[in-house]
Amino acid sequence: MSKRLRRLVPITGAALLLLAACGESVDPRENTDNAGDDGSDGSDGGSGDQVTLLMESWRNDDLAIWEDVILPAFHEQHPDIRVEFRPTAPDEYDAALDAKLSGGTAGDLITCRPFDVSLRLYDEGHLAPVTDLPGMDAFDDIARTAWSTDDGSETYCVPMASVIHGFLYNKAIFDELGIEPPETEEQFHEVLDTIAQNGEYAPLVMGTADQWEAATMGLQNIGPNYWKGETGRKALIEGSESFDDPQYVDAFAELASWSEYLPDGYESITYPDAQNMFTLGRGAIYPTGSWEIALFNEQADFEMGAFPPPPPEGQDTCYVSDHTDIGVGMNAATEHPEAARTFLEWTTSAEFAELYANELPGFFPMSDHDVEVQDPLAKEFLSWRDECESTIRNSYQILSRGEPNLENQLWDLSAQVLNGTIEPQQAAAEAQKGLERWYEPQQK
């Protein structure tokens, strides 16, 4: 991924964020109180009518932010359009959305997961194209990749935000032990050894019980430095590189080396367990991504810092996963297409980009607008776009369409590597074997 979005300008200061749990929402299309003040029925029509749009999302933690900050800014400019944010629990979202779309009860606006999940919805006719939407020129081809057809001819969701992988660390522990954030992989291991020798804190806080974090926060965090970011990711898609090539074996080997620095019993530690362990100050370094910033700002009572994945010794270029994470599109069956397009056009604006970036620190706009990012941790993550080459997770585009699904396979293989039940060479060979079963460019 090219060094895009350079015009996001980090500044100092702390962002205010209120997270709220999601309650059940009432469908305003079944509530006459949502009709226009003039007594209209809320349908598109003449002057004075108010249209209500429902927005589907899996981001239930963001309910208060949308209701209290983002949507009021839109409503102020468009009093004739009211948007209701209606989230579903993340692990239920995909199935619930499919059922609603099939039953004709889905909202007018659809929050879009990246790549194949949303591409399937578009192919099935559920998402309307937004290629010609005014404001889409604020996004380059790379920003659109996660929500475009394979040939790039149509885009079906507006890119909203990406997340950046890296490491959070407890500054108090680093100060206590007299260590600095590492700049190379060798220094990274020296830091881990120093923390381990002290014996009071877990050097790395992560578990393998849920599997996905071993891949997402482990392999996909450090791996781009080995397969050279977009160069390697695209080479896998083209078939010019294989998952059992040395660079992929080496990435698994580096991941395997983490096992001696993880907490005791890490095989049984879940993702929430690890989050709690770090925010309670029981561990020094947390492999993760910028998506944790808001929650950890709220829960941790110590100052945190961040550093990007340190490259192997002698490698001048660093690579970070700046992963396309969330977009928003229009239900092709909406009864209010013009109002929906008006809202989507607003999400391409600089105003929306700045609101979103600062209300959800760690979720970074993908447009080219000038945006002042206030949260210091978000500012640190964002600065890596100037220092390193950006890429996305290599299992997301195309390579997880068949069986075995590469994304899910990497969860299992990465966890096994950390657990010591499979060797790095074998893990790489298994990933390659899985691709060869169904992906023609990888069939030798």
Protein backbone atom coordinates (compact mmCIF):
# COMPACT_ATOMS: atom_id res chain seq x y z
CA MET A 1 0.00 0.00 0.00
CA SER A 2 1.40 3.39 -0.94
CA LYS A 3 2.10 6.08 1.58
CA ARG A 4 -1.39 7.52 1.34
CA LEU A 5 -3.27 9.88 3.61
CA ARG A 6 -0.22 11.98 4.39
CA ARG A 7 -2.48 14.98 4.94
CA LEU A 8 -3.85 13.67 8.20
CA VAL A 9 -2.10 16.03 10.62
CA PRO A 10 -1.47 14.72 14.15
CA ILE A 11 -1.55 17.35 16.93
CA THR A 12 -1.27 17.10 20.68
CA GLY A 13 -4.19 16.92 23.09
CA ALA A 14 -6.52 14.20 24.36
CA ALA A 15 -9.64 13.07 22.56
CA LEU A 16 -12.82 12.65 24.55
CA LEU A 17 -14.60 9.40 23.98
CA LEU A 18 -17.76 8.03 25.53
CA LEU A 19 -18.44 4.35 24.96
CA ALA A 20 -21.89 2.98 25.67
CA ALA A 21 -23.47 -0.43 25.54
CA CYS A 22 -26.02 -1.05 22.87
CA GLY A 23 -29.66 -1.42 23.82
CA GLU A 24 -32.49 -2.64 21.68
CA SER A 25 -33.61 -0.07 19.16
CA VAL A 26 -37.07 0.59 17.83
CA ASP A 27 -37.54 0.60 14.08
CA PRO A 28 -38.49 4.25 13.47
CA ARG A 29 -40.29 3.26 10.29
CA GLU A 30 -42.84 1.63 12.60
CA ASN A 31 -43.12 4.69 14.83
CA THR A 32 -45.29 7.59 13.74
CA ASP A 33 -43.34 9.90 16.09
CA ASN A 34 -40.56 9.89 13.48
CA ALA A 35 -42.75 11.49 10.84
CA GLY A 36 -41.96 15.04 9.85
CA ASP A 37 -42.98 17.90 12.10
CA ASP A 38 -45.49 18.96 9.49
CA GLY A 39 -47.45 15.76 9.97
CA SER A 40 -46.00 14.04 6.91
CA ASP A 41 -45.54 10.29 6.86
CA GLY A 42 -41.75 10.46 6.60
CA SER A 43 -41.55 9.43 2.94
CA ASP A 44 -39.62 11.22 0.22
CA GLY A 45 -41.78 13.99 -1.03
CA GLY A 46 -42.16 17.71 -1.15
CA SER A 47 -40.58 20.41 0.98
CA GLY A 48 -40.93 19.84 4.71
CA ASP A 49 -41.01 16.05 4.62
CA GLN A 50 -38.55 14.25 6.87
CA VAL A 51 -36.99 10.99 5.76
CA THR A 52 -35.71 8.47 8.30
CA LEU A 53 -32.80 6.22 7.35
CA LEU A 54 -31.71 3.21 9.37
CA MET A 55 -28.01 2.39 9.55
CA GLU A 56 -26.88 -1.20 10.17
CA SER A 57 -23.56 -1.73 11.97
CA TRP A 58 -21.62 -4.22 14.08
CA ARG A 59 -19.95 -1.39 16.06
CA ASN A 60 -22.30 -1.44 19.05
CA ASP A 61 -19.61 0.17 21.24
CA ASP A 62 -19.96 3.29 19.06
CA LEU A 63 -23.67 3.89 19.68
CA ALA A 64 -23.21 6.95 21.89
CA ILE A 65 -20.65 8.50 19.54
CA TRP A 66 -22.98 8.24 16.56
CA GLU A 67 -26.05 9.40 18.48
CA ASP A 68 -24.40 12.23 20.43
CA VAL A 69 -21.80 13.63 18.02
CA ILE A 70 -21.63 12.34 14.45
CA LEU A 71 -25.29 12.17 13.49
CA PRO A 72 -26.25 15.51 15.11
CA ALA A 73 -23.61 17.16 12.89
CA PHE A 74 -25.27 15.63 9.83
CA HIS A 75 -28.80 16.45 11.02
CA GLU A 76 -27.84 20.09 11.53
CA GLN A 77 -27.01 20.38 7.84
CA HIS A 78 -29.82 18.12 6.63
CA PRO A 79 -32.84 18.60 8.92
CA ASP A 80 -35.05 16.81 6.38
CA ILE A 81 -33.07 13.55 6.83
CA ARG A 82 -32.85 11.67 10.10
CA VAL A 83 -30.41 8.76 10.46
CA GLU A 84 -30.88 6.14 13.17
CA PHE A 85 -27.80 4.09 14.10
CA ARG A 86 -28.95 0.51 14.74
CA PRO A 87 -26.04 -1.77 15.70
CA THR A 88 -26.00 -5.53 16.15
CA ALA A 89 -23.51 -7.52 18.26
CA PRO A 90 -20.33 -8.02 16.18
CA ASP A 91 -20.47 -11.82 16.20
CA GLU A 92 -24.12 -11.77 15.11
CA TYR A 93 -23.93 -9.00 12.52
CA ASP A 94 -23.19 -10.95 9.34
CA ALA A 95 -25.90 -13.56 9.85
CA ALA A 96 -28.43 -11.00 11.07
CA LEU A 97 -27.73 -8.70 8.13
CA ASP A 98 -28.10 -11.56 5.64
CA ALA A 99 -31.47 -12.46 7.15
CA LYS A 100 -32.67 -8.86 7.08
CA LEU A 101 -31.56 -8.32 3.50
CA SER A 102 -33.23 -11.54 2.39
CA GLY A 103 -36.42 -10.63 4.28
CA GLY A 104 -36.53 -7.04 3.07
CA THR A 105 -36.16 -5.55 6.56
CA ALA A 106 -32.56 -4.32 6.43
CA GLY A 107 -31.69 -0.70 7.02
CA ASP A 108 -31.12 1.85 4.28
CA LEU A 109 -27.42 2.22 5.10
CA ILE A 110 -25.14 -0.79 5.53
CA THR A 111 -21.86 -0.71 7.43
CA CYS A 112 -19.49 -2.73 5.26
CA ARG A 113 -16.84 -5.22 6.30
CA PRO A 114 -13.82 -5.26 3.97
CA PHE A 115 -13.42 -7.46 0.91
CA ASP A 116 -15.36 -10.65 0.28
CA VAL A 117 -18.18 -10.32 2.81
CA SER A 118 -19.31 -7.04 1.25
CA LEU A 119 -18.38 -8.11 -2.27
CA ARG A 120 -20.80 -11.02 -1.91
CA LEU A 121 -23.56 -8.62 -0.84
CA TYR A 122 -22.85 -6.49 -3.90
CA ASP A 123 -22.81 -9.50 -6.22
CA GLU A 124 -26.15 -10.60 -4.76
CA GLY A 125 -27.61 -7.18 -5.56
CA HIS A 126 -27.92 -5.96 -1.96
CA LEU A 127 -25.43 -3.07 -2.18
CA ALA A 128 -25.83 -0.26 -4.68
CA PRO A 129 -22.75 1.04 -6.53
CA VAL A 130 -21.34 4.34 -5.28
CA THR A 131 -18.61 4.71 -7.91
CA ASP A 132 -20.02 7.99 -9.20
CA LEU A 133 -20.99 9.39 -5.78
CA PRO A 134 -19.80 13.00 -5.40
CA GLY A 135 -16.81 13.09 -3.06
CA MET A 136 -15.43 9.66 -3.96
CA ASP A 137 -12.45 11.35 -5.60
CA ALA A 138 -11.16 11.93 -2.05
CA PHE A 139 -10.20 8.23 -1.94
CA ASP A 140 -7.40 6.72 -3.97
CA ASP A 141 -7.57 3.29 -5.59
CA ILE A 142 -5.92 1.62 -2.60
CA ALA A 143 -8.46 3.06 -0.17
CA ARG A 144 -11.27 1.72 -2.39
CA THR A 145 -9.74 -1.73 -2.84
CA ALA A 146 -11.58 -3.33 0.07
CA TRP A 147 -14.96 -2.28 -1.34
CA SER A 148 -14.48 -2.57 -5.08
CA THR A 149 -14.95 -5.34 -7.61
CA ASP A 150 -11.84 -7.36 -8.47
CA ASP A 151 -11.31 -5.35 -11.66
CA GLY A 152 -11.85 -2.06 -9.81
CA SER A 153 -14.64 -0.97 -12.15
CA GLU A 154 -17.26 -0.51 -9.42
CA THR A 155 -17.08 0.64 -5.80
CA TYR A 156 -19.99 -0.29 -3.55
CA CYS A 157 -19.10 1.20 -0.14
CA VAL A 158 -17.56 4.49 0.96
CA PRO A 159 -14.29 3.80 2.85
CA MET A 160 -14.65 5.08 6.41
CA ALA A 161 -11.62 3.95 8.40
CA SER A 162 -8.53 1.81 8.64
CA VAL A 163 -6.67 0.48 11.68
CA ILE A 164 -2.91 0.26 12.09
CA HIS A 165 -1.10 -2.68 13.69
CA GLY A 166 1.72 -2.30 16.18
CA PHE A 167 2.64 -2.64 19.86
CA LEU A 168 1.39 -0.77 22.89
CA TYR A 169 3.65 -0.59 25.94
CA ASN A 170 3.46 0.48 29.56
CA LYS A 171 5.68 3.55 29.90
CA ALA A 172 5.96 3.19 33.67
CA ILE A 173 7.45 -0.30 33.31
CA PHE A 174 9.83 0.86 30.58
CA ASP A 175 10.96 3.78 32.78
CA GLU A 176 11.36 1.50 35.79
CA LEU A 177 13.56 -0.92 33.83
CA GLY A 178 15.42 1.78 31.90
CA ILE A 179 14.45 0.51 28.46
CA GLU A 180 13.43 2.30 25.28
CA PRO A 181 11.05 1.28 22.47
CA PRO A 182 12.98 -0.97 20.06
CA GLU A 183 13.76 0.07 16.51
CA THR A 184 14.99 -3.29 15.23
CA GLU A 185 13.98 -6.89 15.82
CA GLU A 186 17.24 -7.54 17.66
CA GLN A 187 16.53 -4.65 20.02
CA PHE A 188 12.99 -5.99 20.45
CA HIS A 189 14.35 -9.27 21.80
CA GLU A 190 16.83 -7.44 24.03
CA VAL A 191 13.92 -5.47 25.53
CA LEU A 192 11.91 -8.67 26.02
CA ASP A 193 14.89 -10.34 27.72
CA THR A 194 15.32 -7.39 30.08
CA ILE A 195 11.67 -7.52 31.10
CA ALA A 196 11.79 -11.31 31.50
CA GLN A 197 14.92 -11.10 33.71
CA ASN A 198 13.17 -8.63 35.99
CA GLY A 199 10.48 -11.24 36.60
CA GLU A 200 7.69 -8.92 37.77
CA TYR A 201 5.86 -8.47 34.50
CA ALA A 202 4.94 -10.54 31.48
CA PRO A 203 7.11 -9.22 28.62
CA LEU A 204 4.39 -9.84 26.00
CA VAL A 205 0.68 -9.98 26.86
CA MET A 206 -1.28 -12.23 24.52
CA GLY A 207 -3.02 -15.59 24.64
CA THR A 208 -3.88 -18.23 22.07
CA ALA A 209 -7.21 -19.52 23.41
CA ASP A 210 -9.23 -17.55 20.85
CA GLN A 211 -6.71 -18.21 18.04
CA TRP A 212 -7.53 -15.16 15.92
CA GLU A 213 -5.27 -12.84 17.89
CA ALA A 214 -2.28 -15.12 17.24
CA ALA A 215 -2.72 -14.37 13.55
CA THR A 216 -4.15 -10.84 13.58
CA MET A 217 -2.04 -9.39 16.39
CA GLY A 218 0.90 -11.72 15.84
CA LEU A 219 1.61 -12.93 12.31
CA GLN A 220 -0.16 -10.11 10.45
CA ASN A 221 1.52 -7.58 12.74
CA ILE A 222 5.15 -8.61 12.17
CA GLY A 223 4.77 -10.48 8.88
CA PRO A 224 4.76 -7.50 6.48
CA ASN A 225 8.38 -6.81 7.42
CA TYR A 226 9.21 -10.29 6.07
CA TRP A 227 7.10 -10.47 2.92
CA LYS A 228 7.70 -6.78 2.11
CA GLY A 229 4.17 -5.52 2.50
CA GLU A 230 2.22 -5.04 -0.71
CA THR A 231 4.97 -6.65 -2.79
CA GLY A 232 4.52 -9.98 -1.05
CA ARG A 233 0.76 -9.73 -0.62
CA LYS A 234 0.20 -9.16 -4.31
CA ALA A 235 2.75 -11.83 -5.23
CA LEU A 236 0.67 -14.42 -3.35
CA ILE A 237 -2.42 -13.37 -5.29
CA GLU A 238 -0.53 -13.50 -8.58
CA GLY A 239 1.08 -16.84 -7.72
CA SER A 240 4.66 -15.59 -8.14
CA GLU A 241 5.35 -16.29 -4.45
CA SER A 242 4.22 -19.20 -2.30
CA PHE A 243 3.35 -19.37 1.38
CA ASP A 244 6.12 -21.89 1.96
CA ASP A 245 8.80 -19.53 0.61
CA PRO A 246 11.54 -18.59 3.13
CA GLN A 247 10.11 -15.18 4.02
CA TYR A 248 6.85 -16.73 5.25
CA VAL A 249 8.68 -19.46 7.16
CA ASP A 250 10.82 -16.76 8.78
CA ALA A 251 7.72 -14.79 9.82
CA PHE A 252 6.31 -17.90 11.51
CA ALA A 253 9.71 -18.51 13.15
CA GLU A 254 9.78 -15.01 14.64
CA LEU A 255 6.24 -15.53 15.90
CA ALA A 256 7.29 -18.83 17.49
CA SER A 257 10.05 -17.02 19.41
CA TRP A 258 7.41 -15.04 21.30
CA SER A 259 6.28 -18.11 23.26
CA GLU A 260 8.99 -17.77 25.92
CA TYR A 261 7.85 -14.19 26.65
CA LEU A 262 4.11 -14.79 26.96
CA PRO A 263 2.33 -15.10 30.34
CA ASP A 264 2.23 -18.44 32.13
CA GLY A 265 -0.67 -20.49 30.82
CA TYR A 266 -1.04 -18.30 27.74
CA GLU A 267 -2.63 -21.24 25.89
CA SER A 268 -5.75 -20.67 28.03
CA ILE A 269 -5.72 -16.87 27.96
CA THR A 270 -8.55 -15.31 25.95
CA TYR A 271 -8.58 -11.93 24.22
CA PRO A 272 -10.52 -10.21 27.06
CA ASP A 273 -8.15 -11.84 29.58
CA ALA A 274 -5.16 -10.33 27.79
CA GLN A 275 -6.81 -6.91 27.56
CA ASN A 276 -7.46 -6.94 31.30
CA MET A 277 -3.97 -8.18 32.13
CA PHE A 278 -2.34 -5.34 30.21
CA THR A 279 -4.61 -2.55 31.46
CA LEU A 280 -4.10 -3.76 35.04
CA GLY A 281 -0.35 -3.21 34.61
CA ARG A 282 0.68 -6.86 34.79
CA GLY A 283 2.44 -6.90 31.43
CA ALA A 284 4.82 -4.60 29.60
CA ILE A 285 4.07 -4.93 25.88
CA TYR A 286 0.78 -5.68 24.14
CA PRO A 287 0.86 -6.78 20.45
CA THR A 288 -2.25 -5.23 18.96
CA GLY A 289 -3.48 -2.39 16.82
CA SER A 290 -4.89 1.11 17.01
CA TRP A 291 -8.42 -0.22 17.56
CA GLU A 292 -7.60 -0.70 21.26
CA ILE A 293 -6.84 2.97 21.94
CA ALA A 294 -10.27 4.17 23.06
CA LEU A 295 -10.93 1.26 25.42
CA PHE A 296 -7.43 1.26 26.90
CA ASN A 297 -7.48 5.04 27.42
CA GLU A 298 -10.55 4.45 29.56
CA GLN A 299 -9.29 1.41 31.47
CA ALA A 300 -5.55 1.89 32.00
CA ASP A 301 -4.34 4.19 34.80
CA PHE A 302 -0.81 4.43 33.39
CA GLU A 303 0.65 6.23 30.40
CA MET A 304 0.96 4.15 27.25
CA GLY A 305 3.27 4.41 24.29
CA ALA A 306 3.36 2.64 20.94
CA PHE A 307 5.96 1.41 18.50
CA PRO A 308 5.68 -0.17 15.03
CA PRO A 309 6.76 -3.75 14.28
CA PRO A 310 10.57 -3.59 14.40
CA PRO A 311 12.16 -4.80 11.13
CA PRO A 312 14.84 -7.49 11.05
CA GLU A 313 18.41 -6.30 11.55
CA GLY A 314 19.85 -4.64 8.45
CA GLN A 315 16.46 -3.94 6.82
CA ASP A 316 16.12 -0.24 6.12
CA THR A 317 12.43 -0.20 5.16
CA CYS A 318 9.73 -0.92 7.72
CA TYR A 319 6.23 -2.10 6.85
CA VAL A 320 3.00 -1.69 8.82
CA SER A 321 -0.43 -3.18 8.33
CA ASP A 322 -2.70 -0.18 7.77
CA HIS A 323 -5.73 -2.36 7.31
CA THR A 324 -8.89 -1.21 5.57
CA ASP A 325 -11.46 -1.94 8.28
CA ILE A 326 -14.85 -0.31 7.84
CA GLY A 327 -16.95 1.27 5.11
CA VAL A 328 -20.58 2.26 4.58
CA GLY A 329 -22.86 1.58 1.64
CA MET A 330 -26.47 1.85 0.50
CA ASN A 331 -29.03 -0.93 0.58
CA ALA A 332 -30.03 -1.33 -3.06
CA ALA A 333 -33.62 -1.87 -1.89
CA THR A 334 -33.89 1.35 0.11
CA GLU A 335 -37.03 3.38 -0.46
CA HIS A 336 -34.99 6.58 0.00
CA PRO A 337 -32.02 6.38 -2.40
CA GLU A 338 -31.55 10.12 -2.73
CA ALA A 339 -31.48 10.67 1.02
CA ALA A 340 -29.10 7.71 1.44
CA ARG A 341 -26.77 9.11 -1.21
CA THR A 342 -26.86 12.50 0.53
CA PHE A 343 -25.68 10.86 3.74
CA LEU A 344 -23.00 8.83 1.95
CA GLU A 345 -21.75 11.95 0.20
CA TRP A 346 -21.41 13.59 3.63
CA THR A 347 -19.25 10.67 4.81
CA THR A 348 -16.74 11.56 2.07
CA SER A 349 -16.30 15.05 3.55
CA ALA A 350 -13.51 16.53 5.64
CA GLU A 351 -16.03 17.27 8.41
CA PHE A 352 -16.97 13.61 8.76
CA ALA A 353 -13.34 12.48 8.56
CA GLU A 354 -12.33 14.76 11.43
CA LEU A 355 -15.31 13.84 13.60
CA TYR A 356 -14.75 10.12 13.08
CA ALA A 357 -10.99 10.26 13.64
CA ASN A 358 -11.31 12.10 16.94
CA GLU A 359 -14.41 10.46 18.35
CA LEU A 360 -12.99 7.00 17.61
CA PRO A 361 -9.24 7.46 18.10
CA GLY A 362 -7.35 4.69 16.36
CA PHE A 363 -9.78 4.46 13.45
CA PHE A 364 -8.15 6.53 10.74
CA PRO A 365 -9.94 8.14 7.77
CA MET A 366 -8.85 6.97 4.35
CA SER A 367 -9.63 10.18 2.47
CA ASP A 368 -7.09 12.80 1.47
CA HIS A 369 -8.61 15.58 3.60
CA ASP A 370 -6.60 17.57 6.12
CA VAL A 371 -7.59 16.18 9.51
CA GLU A 372 -6.22 17.05 12.95
CA VAL A 373 -5.89 13.91 15.07
CA GLN A 374 -5.87 14.82 18.74
CA ASP A 375 -5.27 11.63 20.73
CA PRO A 376 -1.52 11.23 21.44
CA LEU A 377 -1.53 7.45 20.98
CA ALA A 378 -3.50 7.73 17.74
CA LYS A 379 -1.03 10.40 16.69
CA GLU A 380 1.85 7.98 17.29
CA PHE A 381 0.26 5.19 15.22
CA LEU A 382 -0.57 7.66 12.47
CA SER A 383 3.02 8.91 12.27
CA TRP A 384 4.12 5.48 11.03
CA ARG A 385 2.52 6.21 7.68
CA ASP A 386 5.36 8.68 7.13
CA GLU A 387 8.04 6.30 8.40
CA CYS A 388 7.00 2.95 6.93
CA GLU A 389 5.33 1.45 3.88
CA SER A 390 1.68 0.53 4.43
CA THR A 391 -0.02 -2.72 3.50
CA ILE A 392 -3.09 -4.75 4.52
CA ARG A 393 -3.51 -8.27 5.90
CA ASN A 394 -2.46 -10.71 3.21
CA SER A 395 -5.30 -13.19 3.79
CA TYR A 396 -8.17 -10.76 3.19
CA GLN A 397 -8.30 -10.09 -0.55
CA ILE A 398 -9.24 -13.09 -2.72
CA LEU A 399 -7.17 -15.69 -0.82
CA SER A 400 -9.89 -16.62 1.67
CA ARG A 401 -12.65 -17.31 -0.86
CA GLY A 402 -12.10 -21.05 -1.04
CA GLU A 403 -11.77 -23.98 1.33
CA PRO A 404 -9.77 -24.04 3.42
CA ASN A 405 -10.30 -20.36 4.14
CA LEU A 406 -6.80 -18.88 4.45
CA GLU A 407 -7.79 -16.36 7.12
CA ASN A 408 -9.24 -19.03 9.39
CA GLN A 409 -6.38 -21.39 8.59
CA LEU A 410 -3.84 -18.76 9.68
CA TRP A 411 -5.68 -18.37 12.99
CA ASP A 412 -5.18 -22.06 13.72
CA LEU A 413 -1.63 -22.29 12.37
CA SER A 414 -0.43 -19.16 14.18
CA ALA A 415 -1.86 -20.39 17.49
CA GLN A 416 -0.25 -23.79 16.96
CA VAL A 417 3.12 -22.19 16.21
CA LEU A 418 2.94 -20.21 19.45
CA ASN A 419 1.78 -23.29 21.36
CA GLY A 420 4.69 -25.29 19.99
CA THR A 421 2.48 -27.97 18.44
CA ILE A 422 3.68 -27.24 14.91
CA GLU A 423 7.01 -26.01 13.52
CA PRO A 424 7.21 -22.80 11.45
CA GLN A 425 8.22 -24.72 8.29
CA GLN A 426 5.25 -27.04 8.70
CA ALA A 427 2.86 -24.16 9.33
CA ALA A 428 3.99 -22.43 6.13
CA ALA A 429 3.67 -25.69 4.20
CA GLU A 430 0.13 -26.24 5.52
CA ALA A 431 -0.93 -22.73 4.50
CA GLN A 432 0.48 -23.31 1.02
CA LYS A 433 -1.16 -26.72 0.74
CA GLY A 434 -4.50 -25.12 1.61
CA LEU A 435 -4.14 -22.53 -1.14
CA GLU A 436 -3.15 -25.15 -3.69
CA ARG A 437 -6.37 -27.07 -3.06
CA TRP A 438 -8.55 -24.39 -4.60
CA TYR A 439 -6.60 -21.32 -5.80
CA GLU A 440 -5.46 -21.84 -9.35
CA PRO A 441 -2.55 -19.31 -9.42
CA GLN A 442 -0.99 -21.23 -6.52
CA GLN A 443 -1.41 -24.66 -8.11
CA LYS A 444 1.98 -25.82 -9.34
